[in-house]
Amino acid sequence: MVGGPKSARLLNLSSGKQIAQVGVGYTNFASFDQPGSLVFTYMSSGFSVWDTAGKKFCSQSDMGNGTIALSPNGTWLAAGQVNRATDILVWNVHEILAVCSADDETSRH
């Protein structure tokens, strides 16, 4: 995964060929989930969850100040709060994915 000032992209390491674009805007954060099947991004447009083919499952435009970290075991996602240098918001990744799955099901109907 390569993030930059205009987008985040998934690239094939051996060929350099782009597999998918997983965000538009300045890349603040990009990470894979533990199995490597999902991508979390925080772009200038907000936080999103994608599959590795570039399909967006869900997004949230205002989720902190863009400073994000995923715990080493993939369980927790932490984000710095806007105008609160010492405060963070913490989410359970499984709950985020459950909401994204529900959003995805709703969008199909």
PDB file of N, CA and C in Angstrom:
ATOM      1  N   MET A   1       0.854  -1.160   0.000  1.00  0.00           N
ATOM      2  CA  MET A   1       0.000   0.000   0.000  1.00  0.00           C
ATOM      3  C   MET A   1       0.904   1.228   0.000  1.00  0.00           C
ATOM      4  N   VAL A   2       0.543   2.193  -0.830  1.00  0.00           N
ATOM      5  CA  VAL A   2       1.297   3.431  -0.937  1.00  0.00           C
ATOM      6  C   VAL A   2       0.329   4.589  -0.758  1.00  0.00           C
ATOM      7  N   GLY A   3       0.624   5.447   0.208  1.00  0.00           N
ATOM      8  CA  GLY A   3      -0.186   6.633   0.423  1.00  0.00           C
ATOM      9  C   GLY A   3       0.566   7.859  -0.026  1.00  0.00           C
ATOM     10  N   GLY A   4      -0.167   8.853  -0.465  1.00  0.00           N
ATOM     11  CA  GLY A   4       0.481  10.058  -0.933  1.00  0.00           C
ATOM     12  C   GLY A   4      -0.412  11.270  -0.756  1.00  0.00           C
ATOM     13  N   PRO A   5      -0.076  12.364  -1.414  1.00  0.00           N
ATOM     14  CA  PRO A   5      -0.841  13.598  -1.241  1.00  0.00           C
ATOM     15  C   PRO A   5      -2.189  13.598  -1.951  1.00  0.00           C
ATOM     16  N   LYS A   6      -2.402  12.654  -2.881  1.00  0.00           N
ATOM     17  CA  LYS A   6      -3.648  12.659  -3.648  1.00  0.00           C
ATOM     18  C   LYS A   6      -4.457  11.373  -3.537  1.00  0.00           C
ATOM     19  N   SER A   7      -3.828  10.272  -3.101  1.00  0.00           N
ATOM     20  CA  SER A   7      -4.557   9.001  -3.015  1.00  0.00           C
ATOM     21  C   SER A   7      -3.754   7.972  -2.233  1.00  0.00           C
ATOM     22  N   ALA A   8      -4.434   6.858  -1.915  1.00  0.00           N
ATOM     23  CA  ALA A   8      -3.780   5.665  -1.376  1.00  0.00           C
ATOM     24  C   ALA A   8      -4.060   4.546  -2.370  1.00  0.00           C
ATOM     25  N   ARG A   9      -3.030   3.765  -2.681  1.00  0.00           N
ATOM     26  CA  ARG A   9      -3.157   2.732  -3.694  1.00  0.00           C
ATOM     27  C   ARG A   9      -2.547   1.428  -3.210  1.00  0.00           C
ATOM     28  N   LEU A  10      -3.139   0.325  -3.647  1.00  0.00           N
ATOM     29  CA  LEU A  10      -2.562  -0.996  -3.421  1.00  0.00           C
ATOM     30  C   LEU A  10      -1.791  -1.365  -4.674  1.00  0.00           C
ATOM     31  N   LEU A  11      -0.540  -1.755  -4.496  1.00  0.00           N
ATOM     32  CA  LEU A  11       0.316  -2.095  -5.618  1.00  0.00           C
ATOM     33  C   LEU A  11       0.837  -3.511  -5.472  1.00  0.00           C
ATOM     34  N   ASN A  12       1.056  -4.189  -6.602  1.00  0.00           N
ATOM     35  CA  ASN A  12       1.717  -5.480  -6.613  1.00  0.00           C
ATOM     36  C   ASN A  12       3.209  -5.215  -6.436  1.00  0.00           C
ATOM     37  N   LEU A  13       3.826  -5.800  -5.426  1.00  0.00           N
ATOM     38  CA  LEU A  13       5.237  -5.512  -5.131  1.00  0.00           C
ATOM     39  C   LEU A  13       6.174  -5.926  -6.254  1.00  0.00           C
ATOM     40  N   SER A  14       5.940  -7.061  -6.869  1.00  0.00           N
ATOM     41  CA  SER A  14       6.886  -7.513  -7.894  1.00  0.00           C
ATOM     42  C   SER A  14       6.757  -6.752  -9.209  1.00  0.00           C
ATOM     43  N   SER A  15       5.538  -6.405  -9.610  1.00  0.00           N
ATOM     44  CA  SER A  15       5.366  -5.727 -10.895  1.00  0.00           C
ATOM     45  C   SER A  15       5.208  -4.211 -10.769  1.00  0.00           C
ATOM     46  N   GLY A  16       4.803  -3.738  -9.599  1.00  0.00           N
ATOM     47  CA  GLY A  16       4.531  -2.321  -9.416  1.00  0.00           C
ATOM     48  C   GLY A  16       3.174  -1.908  -9.963  1.00  0.00           C
ATOM     49  N   LYS A  17       2.427  -2.868 -10.513  1.00  0.00           N
ATOM     50  CA  LYS A  17       1.117  -2.583 -11.094  1.00  0.00           C
ATOM     51  C   LYS A  17       0.100  -2.256 -10.002  1.00  0.00           C
ATOM     52  N   GLN A  18      -0.728  -1.241 -10.277  1.00  0.00           N
ATOM     53  CA  GLN A  18      -1.770  -0.864  -9.322  1.00  0.00           C
ATOM     54  C   GLN A  18      -2.881  -1.907  -9.316  1.00  0.00           C
ATOM     55  N   ILE A  19      -3.235  -2.367  -8.106  1.00  0.00           N
ATOM     56  CA  ILE A  19      -4.328  -3.317  -7.930  1.00  0.00           C
ATOM     57  C   ILE A  19      -5.631  -2.569  -7.685  1.00  0.00           C
ATOM     58  N   ALA A  20      -5.572  -1.545  -6.836  1.00  0.00           N
ATOM     59  CA  ALA A  20      -6.775  -0.782  -6.501  1.00  0.00           C
ATOM     60  C   ALA A  20      -6.397   0.548  -5.887  1.00  0.00           C
ATOM     61  N   GLN A  21      -7.289   1.507  -6.018  1.00  0.00           N
ATOM     62  CA  GLN A  21      -7.164   2.779  -5.311  1.00  0.00           C
ATOM     63  C   GLN A  21      -8.095   2.695  -4.120  1.00  0.00           C
ATOM     64  N   VAL A  22      -7.585   3.014  -2.941  1.00  0.00           N
ATOM     65  CA  VAL A  22      -8.376   2.876  -1.715  1.00  0.00           C
ATOM     66  C   VAL A  22      -8.460   4.197  -0.954  1.00  0.00           C
ATOM     67  N   GLY A  23      -8.671   5.248  -1.662  1.00  0.00           N
ATOM     68  CA  GLY A  23      -8.853   6.534  -1.023  1.00  0.00           C
ATOM     69  C   GLY A  23      -8.416   7.669  -1.920  1.00  0.00           C
ATOM     70  N   VAL A  24      -9.092   8.789  -1.758  1.00  0.00           N
ATOM     71  CA  VAL A  24      -8.769   9.987  -2.519  1.00  0.00           C
ATOM     72  C   VAL A  24      -8.483  11.102  -1.531  1.00  0.00           C
ATOM     73  N   GLY A  25      -7.443  11.876  -1.797  1.00  0.00           N
ATOM     74  CA  GLY A  25      -7.041  12.952  -0.911  1.00  0.00           C
ATOM     75  C   GLY A  25      -5.737  12.606  -0.219  1.00  0.00           C
ATOM     76  N   TYR A  26      -5.316  13.457   0.694  1.00  0.00           N
ATOM     77  CA  TYR A  26      -4.070  13.266   1.428  1.00  0.00           C
ATOM     78  C   TYR A  26      -4.183  12.058   2.359  1.00  0.00           C
ATOM     79  N   THR A  27      -3.191  11.178   2.338  1.00  0.00           N
ATOM     80  CA  THR A  27      -3.192   9.973   3.164  1.00  0.00           C
ATOM     81  C   THR A  27      -2.620  10.279   4.548  1.00  0.00           C
ATOM     82  N   ASN A  28      -3.486  10.210   5.574  1.00  0.00           N
ATOM     83  CA  ASN A  28      -3.032  10.352   6.955  1.00  0.00           C
ATOM     84  C   ASN A  28      -2.692   8.998   7.564  1.00  0.00           C
ATOM     85  N   PHE A  29      -3.422   7.945   7.154  1.00  0.00           N
ATOM     86  CA  PHE A  29      -3.273   6.621   7.751  1.00  0.00           C
ATOM     87  C   PHE A  29      -3.731   5.576   6.751  1.00  0.00           C
ATOM     88  N   ALA A  30      -3.031   4.454   6.687  1.00  0.00           N
ATOM     89  CA  ALA A  30      -3.447   3.307   5.884  1.00  0.00           C
ATOM     90  C   ALA A  30      -2.881   2.051   6.530  1.00  0.00           C
ATOM     91  N   SER A  31      -3.738   1.034   6.687  1.00  0.00           N
ATOM     92  CA  SER A  31      -3.300  -0.201   7.325  1.00  0.00           C
ATOM     93  C   SER A  31      -4.196  -1.355   6.893  1.00  0.00           C
ATOM     94  N   PHE A  32      -3.635  -2.557   6.882  1.00  0.00           N
ATOM     95  CA  PHE A  32      -4.415  -3.764   6.641  1.00  0.00           C
ATOM     96  C   PHE A  32      -4.953  -4.297   7.962  1.00  0.00           C
ATOM     97  N   ASP A  33      -6.071  -5.034   7.897  1.00  0.00           N
ATOM     98  CA  ASP A  33      -6.530  -5.750   9.081  1.00  0.00           C
ATOM     99  C   ASP A  33      -5.614  -6.958   9.287  1.00  0.00           C
ATOM    100  N   GLN A  34      -5.816  -7.705  10.360  1.00  0.00           N
ATOM    101  CA  GLN A  34      -4.933  -8.817  10.718  1.00  0.00           C
ATOM    102  C   GLN A  34      -4.843  -9.887   9.613  1.00  0.00           C
ATOM    103  N   PRO A  35      -5.961 -10.329   9.014  1.00  0.00           N
ATOM    104  CA  PRO A  35      -5.851 -11.326   7.935  1.00  0.00           C
ATOM    105  C   PRO A  35      -5.345 -10.752   6.601  1.00  0.00           C
ATOM    106  N   GLY A  36      -5.335  -9.431   6.465  1.00  0.00           N
ATOM    107  CA  GLY A  36      -4.892  -8.813   5.220  1.00  0.00           C
ATOM    108  C   GLY A  36      -5.968  -8.741   4.154  1.00  0.00           C
ATOM    109  N   SER A  37      -7.223  -8.897   4.543  1.00  0.00           N
ATOM    110  CA  SER A  37      -8.321  -8.872   3.568  1.00  0.00           C
ATOM    111  C   SER A  37      -9.031  -7.520   3.498  1.00  0.00           C
ATOM    112  N   LEU A  38      -8.803  -6.672   4.482  1.00  0.00           N
ATOM    113  CA  LEU A  38      -9.420  -5.349   4.510  1.00  0.00           C
ATOM    114  C   LEU A  38      -8.353  -4.278   4.681  1.00  0.00           C
ATOM    115  N   VAL A  39      -8.693  -3.081   4.216  1.00  0.00           N
ATOM    116  CA  VAL A  39      -7.792  -1.942   4.324  1.00  0.00           C
ATOM    117  C   VAL A  39      -8.528  -0.823   5.056  1.00  0.00           C
ATOM    118  N   PHE A  40      -7.870  -0.236   6.036  1.00  0.00           N
ATOM    119  CA  PHE A  40      -8.404   0.928   6.745  1.00  0.00           C
ATOM    120  C   PHE A  40      -7.621   2.136   6.252  1.00  0.00           C
ATOM    121  N   THR A  41      -8.322   3.208   5.884  1.00  0.00           N
ATOM    122  CA  THR A  41      -7.637   4.437   5.479  1.00  0.00           C
ATOM    123  C   THR A  41      -8.246   5.627   6.207  1.00  0.00           C
ATOM    124  N   TYR A  42      -7.419   6.606   6.465  1.00  0.00           N
ATOM    125  CA  TYR A  42      -7.915   7.912   6.898  1.00  0.00           C
ATOM    126  C   TYR A  42      -7.288   8.926   5.961  1.00  0.00           C
ATOM    127  N   MET A  43      -8.104   9.368   5.025  1.00  0.00           N
ATOM    128  CA  MET A  43      -7.670  10.334   4.023  1.00  0.00           C
ATOM    129  C   MET A  43      -8.163  11.709   4.454  1.00  0.00           C
ATOM    130  N   SER A  44      -7.827  12.737   3.716  1.00  0.00           N
ATOM    131  CA  SER A  44      -8.333  14.068   4.045  1.00  0.00           C
ATOM    132  C   SER A  44      -9.856  14.103   3.981  1.00  0.00           C
ATOM    133  N   SER A  45     -10.467  13.154   3.271  1.00  0.00           N
ATOM    134  CA  SER A  45     -11.929  13.070   3.183  1.00  0.00           C
ATOM    135  C   SER A  45     -12.545  12.269   4.331  1.00  0.00           C
ATOM    136  N   GLY A  46     -11.735  11.574   5.140  1.00  0.00           N
ATOM    137  CA  GLY A  46     -12.250  10.832   6.290  1.00  0.00           C
ATOM    138  C   GLY A  46     -11.771   9.385   6.342  1.00  0.00           C
ATOM    139  N   PHE A  47     -12.328   8.643   7.280  1.00  0.00           N
ATOM    140  CA  PHE A  47     -11.977   7.244   7.539  1.00  0.00           C
ATOM    141  C   PHE A  47     -12.824   6.336   6.656  1.00  0.00           C
ATOM    142  N   SER A  48     -12.207   5.286   6.101  1.00  0.00           N
ATOM    143  CA  SER A  48     -12.946   4.317   5.283  1.00  0.00           C
ATOM    144  C   SER A  48     -12.406   2.920   5.496  1.00  0.00           C
ATOM    145  N   VAL A  49     -13.268   1.936   5.233  1.00  0.00           N
ATOM    146  CA  VAL A  49     -12.893   0.521   5.244  1.00  0.00           C
ATOM    147  C   VAL A  49     -13.128  -0.010   3.832  1.00  0.00           C
ATOM    148  N   TRP A  50     -12.116  -0.690   3.266  1.00  0.00           N
ATOM    149  CA  TRP A  50     -12.120  -1.181   1.892  1.00  0.00           C
ATOM    150  C   TRP A  50     -11.777  -2.657   1.855  1.00  0.00           C
ATOM    151  N   ASP A  51     -12.157  -3.333   0.769  1.00  0.00           N
ATOM    152  CA  ASP A  51     -11.587  -4.651   0.537  1.00  0.00           C
ATOM    153  C   ASP A  51     -10.348  -4.460  -0.334  1.00  0.00           C
ATOM    154  N   THR A  52      -9.593  -5.527  -0.566  1.00  0.00           N
ATOM    155  CA  THR A  52      -8.334  -5.386  -1.300  1.00  0.00           C
ATOM    156  C   THR A  52      -8.535  -5.263  -2.808  1.00  0.00           C
ATOM    157  N   ALA A  53      -9.792  -5.277  -3.261  1.00  0.00           N
ATOM    158  CA  ALA A  53     -10.086  -5.015  -4.675  1.00  0.00           C
ATOM    159  C   ALA A  53     -10.474  -3.551  -4.886  1.00  0.00           C
ATOM    160  N   GLY A  54     -10.544  -2.781  -3.785  1.00  0.00           N
ATOM    161  CA  GLY A  54     -10.864  -1.362  -3.886  1.00  0.00           C
ATOM    162  C   GLY A  54     -12.323  -1.021  -3.659  1.00  0.00           C
ATOM    163  N   LYS A  55     -13.128  -1.999  -3.192  1.00  0.00           N
ATOM    164  CA  LYS A  55     -14.537  -1.728  -2.881  1.00  0.00           C
ATOM    165  C   LYS A  55     -14.635  -1.119  -1.483  1.00  0.00           C
ATOM    166  N   LYS A  56     -15.276   0.054  -1.379  1.00  0.00           N
ATOM    167  CA  LYS A  56     -15.441   0.712  -0.085  1.00  0.00           C
ATOM    168  C   LYS A  56     -16.664   0.128   0.616  1.00  0.00           C
ATOM    169  N   PHE A  57     -16.471  -0.333   1.864  1.00  0.00           N
ATOM    170  CA  PHE A  57     -17.577  -0.868   2.650  1.00  0.00           C
ATOM    171  C   PHE A  57     -18.309   0.237   3.401  1.00  0.00           C
ATOM    172  N   CYS A  58     -17.553   1.138   3.993  1.00  0.00           N
ATOM    173  CA  CYS A  58     -18.190   2.233   4.723  1.00  0.00           C
ATOM    174  C   CYS A  58     -17.179   3.342   4.958  1.00  0.00           C
ATOM    175  N   SER A  59     -17.688   4.502   5.330  1.00  0.00           N
ATOM    176  CA  SER A  59     -16.802   5.628   5.609  1.00  0.00           C
ATOM    177  C   SER A  59     -17.439   6.546   6.634  1.00  0.00           C
ATOM    178  N   GLN A  60     -16.594   7.326   7.263  1.00  0.00           N
ATOM    179  CA  GLN A  60     -17.001   8.306   8.266  1.00  0.00           C
ATOM    180  C   GLN A  60     -16.184   9.559   8.018  1.00  0.00           C
ATOM    181  N   SER A  61     -16.857  10.658   7.720  1.00  0.00           N
ATOM    182  CA  SER A  61     -16.119  11.860   7.333  1.00  0.00           C
ATOM    183  C   SER A  61     -15.413  12.548   8.492  1.00  0.00           C
ATOM    184  N   ASP A  62     -15.922  12.433   9.706  1.00  0.00           N
ATOM    185  CA  ASP A  62     -15.323  13.147  10.836  1.00  0.00           C
ATOM    186  C   ASP A  62     -15.024  12.171  11.958  1.00  0.00           C
ATOM    187  N   MET A  63     -13.795  11.664  11.987  1.00  0.00           N
ATOM    188  CA  MET A  63     -13.412  10.683  13.007  1.00  0.00           C
ATOM    189  C   MET A  63     -12.072  11.063  13.608  1.00  0.00           C
ATOM    190  N   GLY A  64     -11.999  12.207  14.229  1.00  0.00           N
ATOM    191  CA  GLY A  64     -10.763  12.623  14.862  1.00  0.00           C
ATOM    192  C   GLY A  64      -9.956  13.565  13.992  1.00  0.00           C
ATOM    193  N   ASN A  65      -8.692  13.692  14.329  1.00  0.00           N
ATOM    194  CA  ASN A  65      -7.837  14.678  13.661  1.00  0.00           C
ATOM    195  C   ASN A  65      -6.942  14.082  12.578  1.00  0.00           C
ATOM    196  N   GLY A  66      -7.149  12.822  12.245  1.00  0.00           N
ATOM    197  CA  GLY A  66      -6.332  12.187  11.211  1.00  0.00           C
ATOM    198  C   GLY A  66      -5.179  11.371  11.748  1.00  0.00           C
ATOM    199  N   THR A  67      -4.883  11.498  13.041  1.00  0.00           N
ATOM    200  CA  THR A  67      -3.850  10.692  13.674  1.00  0.00           C
ATOM    201  C   THR A  67      -4.497   9.410  14.162  1.00  0.00           C
ATOM    202  N   ILE A  68      -4.157   8.298  13.536  1.00  0.00           N
ATOM    203  CA  ILE A  68      -4.826   7.021  13.822  1.00  0.00           C
ATOM    204  C   ILE A  68      -3.784   5.936  14.023  1.00  0.00           C
ATOM    205  N   ALA A  69      -4.121   4.956  14.873  1.00  0.00           N
ATOM    206  CA  ALA A  69      -3.257   3.790  15.067  1.00  0.00           C
ATOM    207  C   ALA A  69      -4.126   2.556  15.217  1.00  0.00           C
ATOM    208  N   LEU A  70      -3.653   1.453  14.685  1.00  0.00           N
ATOM    209  CA  LEU A  70      -4.311   0.158  14.823  1.00  0.00           C
ATOM    210  C   LEU A  70      -3.452  -0.675  15.765  1.00  0.00           C
ATOM    211  N   SER A  71      -4.067  -1.321  16.758  1.00  0.00           N
ATOM    212  CA  SER A  71      -3.288  -2.117  17.713  1.00  0.00           C
ATOM    213  C   SER A  71      -2.602  -3.273  16.984  1.00  0.00           C
ATOM    214  N   PRO A  72      -1.468  -3.753  17.514  1.00  0.00           N
ATOM    215  CA  PRO A  72      -0.730  -4.837  16.849  1.00  0.00           C
ATOM    216  C   PRO A  72      -1.564  -6.094  16.609  1.00  0.00           C
ATOM    217  N   ASN A  73      -2.525  -6.369  17.493  1.00  0.00           N
ATOM    218  CA  ASN A  73      -3.353  -7.559  17.304  1.00  0.00           C
ATOM    219  C   ASN A  73      -4.597  -7.272  16.469  1.00  0.00           C
ATOM    220  N   GLY A  74      -4.754  -6.032  15.983  1.00  0.00           N
ATOM    221  CA  GLY A  74      -5.873  -5.684  15.113  1.00  0.00           C
ATOM    222  C   GLY A  74      -7.212  -5.532  15.803  1.00  0.00           C
ATOM    223  N   THR A  75      -7.214  -5.442  17.129  1.00  0.00           N
ATOM    224  CA  THR A  75      -8.467  -5.367  17.883  1.00  0.00           C
ATOM    225  C   THR A  75      -8.954  -3.941  18.074  1.00  0.00           C
ATOM    226  N   TRP A  76      -8.051  -2.993  18.243  1.00  0.00           N
ATOM    227  CA  TRP A  76      -8.429  -1.624  18.594  1.00  0.00           C
ATOM    228  C   TRP A  76      -7.936  -0.620  17.557  1.00  0.00           C
ATOM    229  N   LEU A  77      -8.754   0.388  17.331  1.00  0.00           N
ATOM    230  CA  LEU A  77      -8.398   1.503  16.470  1.00  0.00           C
ATOM    231  C   LEU A  77      -8.492   2.751  17.324  1.00  0.00           C
ATOM    232  N   ALA A  78      -7.416   3.522  17.375  1.00  0.00           N
ATOM    233  CA  ALA A  78      -7.380   4.740  18.186  1.00  0.00           C
ATOM    234  C   ALA A  78      -7.199   5.946  17.288  1.00  0.00           C
ATOM    235  N   ALA A  79      -7.886   7.045  17.636  1.00  0.00           N
ATOM    236  CA  ALA A  79      -7.787   8.279  16.845  1.00  0.00           C
ATOM    237  C   ALA A  79      -7.660   9.468  17.776  1.00  0.00           C
ATOM    238  N   GLY A  80      -6.772  10.389  17.416  1.00  0.00           N
ATOM    239  CA  GLY A  80      -6.632  11.630  18.172  1.00  0.00           C
ATOM    240  C   GLY A  80      -7.844  12.521  17.939  1.00  0.00           C
ATOM    241  N   GLN A  81      -8.285  13.195  18.989  1.00  0.00           N
ATOM    242  CA  GLN A  81      -9.429  14.088  18.877  1.00  0.00           C
ATOM    243  C   GLN A  81      -9.007  15.461  18.374  1.00  0.00           C
ATOM    244  N   VAL A  82      -9.910  16.106  17.659  1.00  0.00           N
ATOM    245  CA  VAL A  82      -9.664  17.446  17.136  1.00  0.00           C
ATOM    246  C   VAL A  82      -9.570  18.429  18.304  1.00  0.00           C
ATOM    247  N   ASN A  83      -8.527  19.255  18.301  1.00  0.00           N
ATOM    248  CA  ASN A  83      -8.299  20.289  19.317  1.00  0.00           C
ATOM    249  C   ASN A  83      -8.176  19.745  20.738  1.00  0.00           C
ATOM    250  N   ARG A  84      -7.765  18.494  20.886  1.00  0.00           N
ATOM    251  CA  ARG A  84      -7.553  17.896  22.211  1.00  0.00           C
ATOM    252  C   ARG A  84      -6.286  17.050  22.137  1.00  0.00           C
ATOM    253  N   ALA A  85      -5.175  17.681  22.322  1.00  0.00           N
ATOM    254  CA  ALA A  85      -3.872  17.051  22.092  1.00  0.00           C
ATOM    255  C   ALA A  85      -3.628  15.801  22.933  1.00  0.00           C
ATOM    256  N   THR A  86      -4.256  15.680  24.103  1.00  0.00           N
ATOM    257  CA  THR A  86      -3.979  14.539  24.966  1.00  0.00           C
ATOM    258  C   THR A  86      -5.118  13.537  25.034  1.00  0.00           C
ATOM    259  N   ASP A  87      -6.184  13.735  24.271  1.00  0.00           N
ATOM    260  CA  ASP A  87      -7.338  12.829  24.301  1.00  0.00           C
ATOM    261  C   ASP A  87      -7.365  11.967  23.046  1.00  0.00           C
ATOM    262  N   ILE A  88      -7.783  10.705  23.216  1.00  0.00           N
ATOM    263  CA  ILE A  88      -7.953   9.828  22.067  1.00  0.00           C
ATOM    264  C   ILE A  88      -9.317   9.152  22.135  1.00  0.00           C
ATOM    265  N   LEU A  89      -9.810   8.760  20.987  1.00  0.00           N
ATOM    266  CA  LEU A  89     -11.015   7.954  20.868  1.00  0.00           C
ATOM    267  C   LEU A  89     -10.570   6.543  20.528  1.00  0.00           C
ATOM    268  N   VAL A  90     -11.217   5.524  21.099  1.00  0.00           N
ATOM    269  CA  VAL A  90     -10.834   4.144  20.846  1.00  0.00           C
ATOM    270  C   VAL A  90     -12.073   3.354  20.433  1.00  0.00           C
ATOM    271  N   TRP A  91     -11.929   2.578  19.339  1.00  0.00           N
ATOM    272  CA  TRP A  91     -13.022   1.741  18.845  1.00  0.00           C
ATOM    273  C   TRP A  91     -12.563   0.294  18.762  1.00  0.00           C
ATOM    274  N   ASN A  92     -13.495  -0.617  18.977  1.00  0.00           N
ATOM    275  CA  ASN A  92     -13.270  -2.031  18.775  1.00  0.00           C
ATOM    276  C   ASN A  92     -13.409  -2.288  17.271  1.00  0.00           C
ATOM    277  N   VAL A  93     -12.386  -2.822  16.632  1.00  0.00           N
ATOM    278  CA  VAL A  93     -12.389  -3.032  15.182  1.00  0.00           C
ATOM    279  C   VAL A  93     -13.514  -3.973  14.765  1.00  0.00           C
ATOM    280  N   HIS A  94     -13.803  -4.990  15.566  1.00  0.00           N
ATOM    281  CA  HIS A  94     -14.884  -5.926  15.214  1.00  0.00           C
ATOM    282  C   HIS A  94     -16.224  -5.211  15.164  1.00  0.00           C
ATOM    283  N   GLU A  95     -16.436  -4.239  16.042  1.00  0.00           N
ATOM    284  CA  GLU A  95     -17.677  -3.467  16.016  1.00  0.00           C
ATOM    285  C   GLU A  95     -17.730  -2.551  14.797  1.00  0.00           C
ATOM    286  N   ILE A  96     -16.600  -1.965  14.418  1.00  0.00           N
ATOM    287  CA  ILE A  96     -16.549  -1.143  13.204  1.00  0.00           C
ATOM    288  C   ILE A  96     -16.919  -1.999  12.003  1.00  0.00           C
ATOM    289  N   LEU A  97     -16.343  -3.200  11.921  1.00  0.00           N
ATOM    290  CA  LEU A  97     -16.609  -4.076  10.785  1.00  0.00           C
ATOM    291  C   LEU A  97     -18.056  -4.545  10.770  1.00  0.00           C
ATOM    292  N   ALA A  98     -18.659  -4.757  11.942  1.00  0.00           N
ATOM    293  CA  ALA A  98     -20.073  -5.141  11.997  1.00  0.00           C
ATOM    294  C   ALA A  98     -20.947  -4.016  11.458  1.00  0.00           C
ATOM    295  N   VAL A  99     -20.637  -2.770  11.815  1.00  0.00           N
ATOM    296  CA  VAL A  99     -21.391  -1.626  11.305  1.00  0.00           C
ATOM    297  C   VAL A  99     -21.193  -1.508   9.796  1.00  0.00           C
ATOM    298  N   CYS A 100     -19.955  -1.698   9.341  1.00  0.00           N
ATOM    299  CA  CYS A 100     -19.691  -1.628   7.896  1.00  0.00           C
ATOM    300  C   CYS A 100     -20.460  -2.708   7.146  1.00  0.00           C
ATOM    301  N   SER A 101     -20.520  -3.905   7.698  1.00  0.00           N
ATOM    302  CA  SER A 101     -21.274  -4.989   7.057  1.00  0.00           C
ATOM    303  C   SER A 101     -22.748  -4.654   6.994  1.00  0.00           C
ATOM    304  N   ALA A 102     -23.287  -4.079   8.068  1.00  0.00           N
ATOM    305  CA  ALA A 102     -24.699  -3.685   8.087  1.00  0.00           C
ATOM    306  C   ALA A 102     -24.949  -2.577   7.066  1.00  0.00           C
ATOM    307  N   ASP A 103     -24.029  -1.602   6.985  1.00  0.00           N
ATOM    308  CA  ASP A 103     -24.152  -0.525   5.989  1.00  0.00           C
ATOM    309  C   ASP A 103     -24.124  -1.095   4.579  1.00  0.00           C
ATOM    310  N   ASP A 104     -23.245  -2.079   4.346  1.00  0.00           N
ATOM    311  CA  ASP A 104     -23.119  -2.696   3.024  1.00  0.00           C
ATOM    312  C   ASP A 104     -24.402  -3.433   2.658  1.00  0.00           C
ATOM    313  N   GLU A 105     -24.981  -4.153   3.610  1.00  0.00           N
ATOM    314  CA  GLU A 105     -26.246  -4.873   3.364  1.00  0.00           C
ATOM    315  C   GLU A 105     -27.356  -3.883   3.057  1.00  0.00           C
ATOM    316  N   THR A 106     -27.429  -2.771   3.782  1.00  0.00           N
ATOM    317  CA  THR A 106     -28.464  -1.755   3.574  1.00  0.00           C
ATOM    318  C   THR A 106     -28.337  -1.135   2.189  1.00  0.00           C
ATOM    319  N   SER A 107     -27.102  -0.907   1.736  1.00  0.00           N
ATOM    320  CA  SER A 107     -26.911  -0.262   0.441  1.00  0.00           C
ATOM    321  C   SER A 107     -27.291  -1.178  -0.725  1.00  0.00           C
ATOM    322  N   ARG A 108     -27.377  -2.477  -0.503  1.00  0.00           N
ATOM    323  CA  ARG A 108     -27.747  -3.416  -1.572  1.00  0.00           C
ATOM    324  C   ARG A 108     -29.250  -3.468  -1.806  1.00  0.00           C
ATOM    325  N   HIS A 109     -30.036  -2.992  -0.849  1.00  0.00           N
ATOM    326  CA  HIS A 109     -31.504  -3.081  -0.969  1.00  0.00           C
ATOM    327  C   HIS A 109     -32.091  -1.792  -1.476  1.00  0.00           C
TER     328      HIS A 109
END
